[in-house]
């Protein structure tokens, strides 16, 4: 069950990051200079932004459930999967560059998660 909570934490975190990136990209005028509290509040009240924050909150609850069942040293390395999934999804959804260095770094992260997950 702990690994299900870890998977939910990862999926909800990735969802939240991608939705926030998408919404900020849709409404760049709301966060550009000059700073306006009204613009920030307008962005924060958008349904998709609210869903991103709700996902982050739900991810926190899942994370608490996961670390109540596993040692932190065993659970935490899986959080690096967020980097992998966000990088891949951002390249696909937002056409962000995924060059050789990012691919190599992503593979190193994956290898590291595999090695740590096999430790006793």
N, C-alpha and C. Protein backbone atom coordinates (compact mmCIF):
# COMPACT_ATOMS: atom_id res chain seq x y z
N UNK A 1 0.83 -1.21 0.00
CA UNK A 1 0.00 0.00 0.00
C UNK A 1 0.87 1.26 0.00
N UNK A 2 2.03 1.20 0.65
CA UNK A 2 2.91 2.36 0.71
C UNK A 2 3.32 2.81 -0.69
N UNK A 3 3.57 1.85 -1.58
CA UNK A 3 4.00 2.21 -2.93
C UNK A 3 2.85 2.81 -3.75
N UNK A 4 1.64 2.44 -3.44
CA UNK A 4 0.50 3.08 -4.09
C UNK A 4 0.42 4.54 -3.66
N UNK A 5 0.65 4.80 -2.38
CA UNK A 5 0.65 6.19 -1.91
C UNK A 5 1.80 6.99 -2.53
N UNK A 6 2.94 6.35 -2.71
CA UNK A 6 4.06 7.03 -3.37
C UNK A 6 3.69 7.35 -4.82
N UNK A 7 3.09 6.39 -5.52
CA UNK A 7 2.69 6.61 -6.91
C UNK A 7 1.66 7.74 -7.00
N UNK A 8 0.71 7.76 -6.08
CA UNK A 8 -0.28 8.84 -6.08
C UNK A 8 0.37 10.19 -5.79
N UNK A 9 1.34 10.20 -4.88
CA UNK A 9 2.06 11.44 -4.59
C UNK A 9 2.75 11.95 -5.84
N UNK A 10 3.40 11.06 -6.54
CA UNK A 10 4.12 11.45 -7.77
C UNK A 10 3.14 11.95 -8.82
N UNK A 11 2.09 11.19 -9.08
CA UNK A 11 1.13 11.57 -10.13
C UNK A 11 0.43 12.90 -9.82
N UNK A 12 0.04 13.08 -8.58
CA UNK A 12 -0.62 14.33 -8.20
C UNK A 12 0.33 15.52 -8.27
N UNK A 13 1.58 15.31 -7.88
CA UNK A 13 2.58 16.38 -7.95
C UNK A 13 2.85 16.77 -9.40
N UNK A 14 3.02 15.77 -10.25
CA UNK A 14 3.28 16.04 -11.67
C UNK A 14 2.08 16.76 -12.28
N UNK A 15 0.88 16.30 -11.98
CA UNK A 15 -0.32 16.97 -12.48
C UNK A 15 -0.32 18.44 -12.07
N UNK A 16 -0.09 18.69 -10.80
CA UNK A 16 -0.10 20.07 -10.30
C UNK A 16 0.91 20.95 -11.01
N UNK A 17 2.13 20.44 -11.19
CA UNK A 17 3.18 21.23 -11.86
C UNK A 17 2.80 21.53 -13.30
N UNK A 18 2.29 20.54 -14.00
CA UNK A 18 1.94 20.74 -15.41
C UNK A 18 0.76 21.69 -15.57
N UNK A 19 -0.23 21.56 -14.71
CA UNK A 19 -1.39 22.45 -14.79
C UNK A 19 -0.99 23.89 -14.49
N UNK A 20 -0.15 24.08 -13.48
CA UNK A 20 0.27 25.45 -13.15
C UNK A 20 1.08 26.05 -14.29
N UNK A 21 1.98 25.27 -14.89
CA UNK A 21 2.76 25.75 -16.03
C UNK A 21 1.82 26.13 -17.18
N UNK A 22 0.85 25.28 -17.45
CA UNK A 22 -0.11 25.53 -18.53
C UNK A 22 -0.88 26.82 -18.27
N UNK A 23 -1.38 27.00 -17.07
CA UNK A 23 -2.20 28.16 -16.76
C UNK A 23 -1.39 29.46 -16.76
N UNK A 24 -0.19 29.40 -16.25
CA UNK A 24 0.67 30.60 -16.29
C UNK A 24 0.98 30.95 -17.74
N UNK A 25 1.18 29.93 -18.58
CA UNK A 25 1.40 30.17 -20.00
C UNK A 25 0.18 30.74 -20.70
N UNK A 26 -1.00 30.36 -20.25
CA UNK A 26 -2.25 30.87 -20.83
C UNK A 26 -2.53 32.31 -20.42
N UNK A 27 -2.01 32.71 -19.27
CA UNK A 27 -2.31 34.03 -18.72
C UNK A 27 -1.04 34.75 -18.27
N UNK A 28 -0.05 34.91 -19.18
CA UNK A 28 1.22 35.53 -18.77
C UNK A 28 1.05 36.98 -18.31
N UNK A 29 0.03 37.63 -18.80
CA UNK A 29 -0.20 39.03 -18.42
C UNK A 29 -0.54 39.17 -16.93
N UNK A 30 -1.03 38.09 -16.33
CA UNK A 30 -1.42 38.16 -14.92
C UNK A 30 -0.23 38.09 -13.97
N UNK A 31 0.92 37.65 -14.47
CA UNK A 31 2.09 37.56 -13.58
C UNK A 31 3.26 38.41 -14.06
N UNK A 32 3.08 39.13 -15.15
CA UNK A 32 4.17 39.96 -15.65
C UNK A 32 4.20 41.29 -14.90
N UNK A 33 5.33 41.96 -15.00
CA UNK A 33 5.50 43.26 -14.34
C UNK A 33 4.56 44.27 -14.98
N UNK A 34 4.05 45.24 -14.29
CA UNK A 34 4.27 45.49 -12.86
C UNK A 34 3.43 44.54 -12.00
N UNK A 35 3.93 44.23 -10.82
CA UNK A 35 3.26 43.33 -9.89
C UNK A 35 1.90 43.90 -9.51
N UNK A 36 0.90 43.04 -9.54
CA UNK A 36 -0.44 43.46 -9.15
C UNK A 36 -1.06 42.34 -8.33
N UNK A 37 -1.46 42.67 -7.12
CA UNK A 37 -2.10 41.69 -6.26
C UNK A 37 -3.40 41.20 -6.89
N UNK A 38 -4.12 42.08 -7.55
CA UNK A 38 -5.36 41.70 -8.22
C UNK A 38 -5.10 40.64 -9.30
N UNK A 39 -4.02 40.82 -10.06
CA UNK A 39 -3.69 39.84 -11.09
C UNK A 39 -3.35 38.48 -10.49
N UNK A 40 -2.60 38.48 -9.40
CA UNK A 40 -2.24 37.22 -8.74
C UNK A 40 -3.50 36.53 -8.22
N UNK A 41 -4.38 37.29 -7.59
CA UNK A 41 -5.63 36.71 -7.06
C UNK A 41 -6.48 36.17 -8.22
N UNK A 42 -6.53 36.91 -9.32
CA UNK A 42 -7.28 36.46 -10.50
C UNK A 42 -6.75 35.11 -10.98
N UNK A 43 -5.44 34.98 -11.05
CA UNK A 43 -4.83 33.72 -11.47
C UNK A 43 -5.12 32.60 -10.46
N UNK A 44 -5.00 32.92 -9.17
CA UNK A 44 -5.23 31.91 -8.13
C UNK A 44 -6.67 31.41 -8.09
N UNK A 45 -7.61 32.20 -8.59
CA UNK A 45 -9.02 31.81 -8.56
C UNK A 45 -9.47 31.06 -9.81
N UNK A 46 -8.58 30.85 -10.75
CA UNK A 46 -8.92 30.09 -11.94
C UNK A 46 -9.10 28.62 -11.56
N UNK A 47 -10.15 27.97 -12.05
CA UNK A 47 -10.44 26.58 -11.65
C UNK A 47 -9.26 25.61 -11.86
N UNK A 48 -8.54 25.75 -12.97
CA UNK A 48 -7.42 24.85 -13.20
C UNK A 48 -6.30 25.08 -12.18
N UNK A 49 -6.07 26.33 -11.84
CA UNK A 49 -5.03 26.64 -10.84
C UNK A 49 -5.45 26.06 -9.49
N UNK A 50 -6.71 26.23 -9.15
CA UNK A 50 -7.22 25.66 -7.89
C UNK A 50 -7.04 24.13 -7.91
N UNK A 51 -7.28 23.50 -9.05
CA UNK A 51 -7.11 22.04 -9.12
C UNK A 51 -5.64 21.66 -8.95
N UNK A 52 -4.73 22.50 -9.44
CA UNK A 52 -3.30 22.23 -9.25
C UNK A 52 -2.91 22.29 -7.78
N UNK A 53 -3.43 23.29 -7.07
CA UNK A 53 -3.15 23.39 -5.63
C UNK A 53 -3.84 22.27 -4.85
N UNK A 54 -5.03 21.90 -5.28
CA UNK A 54 -5.73 20.78 -4.62
C UNK A 54 -4.94 19.49 -4.82
N UNK A 55 -4.38 19.31 -6.00
CA UNK A 55 -3.55 18.12 -6.26
C UNK A 55 -2.31 18.13 -5.37
N UNK A 56 -1.71 19.30 -5.19
CA UNK A 56 -0.54 19.39 -4.31
C UNK A 56 -0.91 19.04 -2.88
N UNK A 57 -2.07 19.48 -2.44
CA UNK A 57 -2.53 19.15 -1.09
C UNK A 57 -2.79 17.65 -0.96
N UNK A 58 -3.47 17.08 -1.95
CA UNK A 58 -3.74 15.64 -1.93
C UNK A 58 -2.43 14.85 -1.99
N UNK A 59 -1.47 15.34 -2.76
CA UNK A 59 -0.15 14.68 -2.81
C UNK A 59 0.50 14.69 -1.44
N UNK A 60 0.34 15.79 -0.71
CA UNK A 60 0.91 15.86 0.65
C UNK A 60 0.27 14.83 1.57
N UNK A 61 -1.03 14.64 1.45
CA UNK A 61 -1.71 13.64 2.27
C UNK A 61 -1.23 12.23 1.91
N UNK A 62 -1.10 11.97 0.62
CA UNK A 62 -0.60 10.66 0.19
C UNK A 62 0.84 10.44 0.66
N UNK A 63 1.63 11.50 0.62
CA UNK A 63 3.02 11.40 1.07
C UNK A 63 3.08 11.07 2.56
N UNK A 64 2.23 11.70 3.35
CA UNK A 64 2.21 11.39 4.78
C UNK A 64 1.83 9.92 5.00
N UNK A 65 0.88 9.43 4.21
CA UNK A 65 0.49 8.02 4.34
C UNK A 65 1.65 7.11 3.93
N UNK A 66 2.38 7.49 2.89
CA UNK A 66 3.49 6.66 2.43
C UNK A 66 4.61 6.59 3.46
N UNK A 67 4.99 7.76 4.01
CA UNK A 67 6.13 7.74 4.94
C UNK A 67 5.74 7.22 6.31
N UNK A 68 4.46 7.05 6.56
CA UNK A 68 4.06 6.40 7.81
C UNK A 68 4.25 4.88 7.70
N UNK A 69 4.41 4.39 6.46
CA UNK A 69 4.54 2.96 6.22
C UNK A 69 5.94 2.52 5.79
N UNK A 70 6.75 3.47 5.35
CA UNK A 70 8.10 3.17 4.87
C UNK A 70 9.11 4.10 5.53
N UNK A 71 10.35 3.66 5.67
CA UNK A 71 11.39 4.59 6.12
C UNK A 71 11.55 5.71 5.09
N UNK A 72 11.80 6.90 5.57
CA UNK A 72 11.96 8.04 4.67
C UNK A 72 13.09 7.81 3.67
N UNK A 73 14.16 7.18 4.13
CA UNK A 73 15.30 6.93 3.25
C UNK A 73 14.95 5.98 2.10
N UNK A 74 13.93 5.18 2.27
CA UNK A 74 13.47 4.27 1.21
C UNK A 74 12.44 4.95 0.30
N UNK A 75 11.57 5.76 0.89
CA UNK A 75 10.49 6.40 0.13
C UNK A 75 10.96 7.62 -0.66
N UNK A 76 11.82 8.42 -0.07
CA UNK A 76 12.14 9.72 -0.66
C UNK A 76 12.79 9.65 -2.05
N UNK A 77 13.68 8.71 -2.32
CA UNK A 77 14.27 8.68 -3.67
C UNK A 77 13.24 8.57 -4.79
N UNK A 78 12.08 8.00 -4.51
CA UNK A 78 11.06 7.89 -5.54
C UNK A 78 10.52 9.26 -5.96
N UNK A 79 10.68 10.25 -5.11
CA UNK A 79 10.21 11.59 -5.47
C UNK A 79 10.98 12.16 -6.66
N UNK A 80 12.16 11.61 -6.91
CA UNK A 80 12.91 12.08 -8.07
C UNK A 80 12.24 11.68 -9.38
N UNK A 81 11.30 10.75 -9.31
CA UNK A 81 10.52 10.41 -10.51
C UNK A 81 9.74 11.62 -11.00
N UNK A 82 9.45 12.55 -10.09
CA UNK A 82 8.78 13.79 -10.50
C UNK A 82 9.59 14.51 -11.57
N UNK A 83 10.91 14.59 -11.38
CA UNK A 83 11.77 15.27 -12.36
C UNK A 83 11.66 14.61 -13.72
N UNK A 84 11.69 13.30 -13.72
CA UNK A 84 11.63 12.55 -14.97
C UNK A 84 10.30 12.79 -15.68
N UNK A 85 9.21 12.60 -14.96
CA UNK A 85 7.90 12.74 -15.58
C UNK A 85 7.61 14.16 -16.02
N UNK A 86 7.97 15.14 -15.20
CA UNK A 86 7.72 16.53 -15.59
C UNK A 86 8.56 16.89 -16.81
N UNK A 87 9.81 16.46 -16.85
CA UNK A 87 10.66 16.77 -18.02
C UNK A 87 10.08 16.16 -19.28
N UNK A 88 9.67 14.91 -19.21
CA UNK A 88 9.11 14.25 -20.40
C UNK A 88 7.79 14.87 -20.82
N UNK A 89 6.93 15.12 -19.85
CA UNK A 89 5.61 15.70 -20.17
C UNK A 89 5.74 17.14 -20.67
N UNK A 90 6.67 17.89 -20.11
CA UNK A 90 6.87 19.28 -20.55
C UNK A 90 7.39 19.31 -21.98
N UNK A 91 8.25 18.36 -22.33
CA UNK A 91 8.73 18.29 -23.71
C UNK A 91 7.58 17.97 -24.66
N UNK A 92 6.71 17.08 -24.23
CA UNK A 92 5.58 16.68 -25.08
C UNK A 92 4.50 17.75 -25.14
N UNK A 93 4.08 18.26 -23.97
CA UNK A 93 2.95 19.19 -23.92
C UNK A 93 3.31 20.62 -24.29
N UNK A 94 4.48 21.07 -23.83
CA UNK A 94 4.85 22.48 -23.99
C UNK A 94 5.98 22.69 -24.99
N UNK A 95 6.40 21.61 -25.63
CA UNK A 95 7.48 21.67 -26.61
C UNK A 95 8.77 22.23 -25.99
N UNK A 96 9.01 21.91 -24.71
CA UNK A 96 10.25 22.32 -24.07
C UNK A 96 11.37 21.43 -24.59
N UNK A 97 12.57 22.01 -24.65
CA UNK A 97 13.71 21.29 -25.20
C UNK A 97 14.14 20.14 -24.29
N UNK A 98 14.37 18.99 -24.87
CA UNK A 98 14.88 17.82 -24.15
C UNK A 98 16.14 17.38 -24.89
N UNK A 99 17.27 18.02 -24.54
CA UNK A 99 18.52 17.74 -25.23
C UNK A 99 19.25 16.55 -24.61
N UNK A 100 20.42 16.26 -25.13
CA UNK A 100 21.20 15.12 -24.68
C UNK A 100 21.54 15.16 -23.20
N UNK A 101 21.87 16.34 -22.68
CA UNK A 101 22.20 16.46 -21.26
C UNK A 101 20.99 16.17 -20.38
N UNK A 102 19.83 16.66 -20.77
CA UNK A 102 18.62 16.40 -19.98
C UNK A 102 18.25 14.91 -20.04
N UNK A 103 18.42 14.32 -21.21
CA UNK A 103 18.13 12.89 -21.33
C UNK A 103 19.11 12.08 -20.48
N UNK A 104 20.39 12.43 -20.54
CA UNK A 104 21.39 11.72 -19.74
C UNK A 104 21.10 11.88 -18.25
N UNK A 105 20.77 13.09 -17.83
CA UNK A 105 20.44 13.33 -16.42
C UNK A 105 19.21 12.56 -15.99
N UNK A 106 18.23 12.50 -16.87
CA UNK A 106 17.01 11.75 -16.58
C UNK A 106 17.31 10.26 -16.42
N UNK A 107 18.15 9.73 -17.29
CA UNK A 107 18.53 8.32 -17.18
C UNK A 107 19.31 8.04 -15.90
N UNK A 108 20.15 8.98 -15.49
CA UNK A 108 20.89 8.83 -14.23
C UNK A 108 19.92 8.81 -13.06
N UNK A 109 18.93 9.67 -13.09
CA UNK A 109 17.93 9.69 -12.02
C UNK A 109 17.20 8.35 -11.96
N UNK A 110 16.78 7.85 -13.11
CA UNK A 110 16.08 6.57 -13.15
C UNK A 110 16.96 5.45 -12.58
N UNK A 111 18.22 5.43 -13.01
CA UNK A 111 19.15 4.42 -12.51
C UNK A 111 19.32 4.56 -10.99
N UNK A 112 19.43 5.78 -10.51
CA UNK A 112 19.56 6.00 -9.07
C UNK A 112 18.36 5.49 -8.28
N UNK A 113 17.18 5.73 -8.79
CA UNK A 113 15.96 5.25 -8.12
C UNK A 113 15.96 3.72 -8.07
N UNK A 114 16.36 3.09 -9.17
CA UNK A 114 16.42 1.62 -9.19
C UNK A 114 17.41 1.11 -8.15
N UNK A 115 18.60 1.71 -8.11
CA UNK A 115 19.61 1.26 -7.16
C UNK A 115 19.14 1.44 -5.72
N UNK A 116 18.60 2.61 -5.40
CA UNK A 116 18.16 2.88 -4.04
C UNK A 116 16.97 1.98 -3.65
N UNK A 117 16.09 1.73 -4.59
CA UNK A 117 14.92 0.90 -4.28
C UNK A 117 15.30 -0.53 -3.95
N UNK A 118 16.45 -0.96 -4.41
CA UNK A 118 16.90 -2.33 -4.14
C UNK A 118 17.72 -2.45 -2.86
N UNK A 119 18.00 -1.32 -2.23
CA UNK A 119 18.78 -1.38 -0.99
C UNK A 119 17.89 -1.91 0.14
N UNK A 120 18.52 -2.50 1.09
CA UNK A 120 17.76 -3.11 2.20
C UNK A 120 17.33 -2.11 3.22
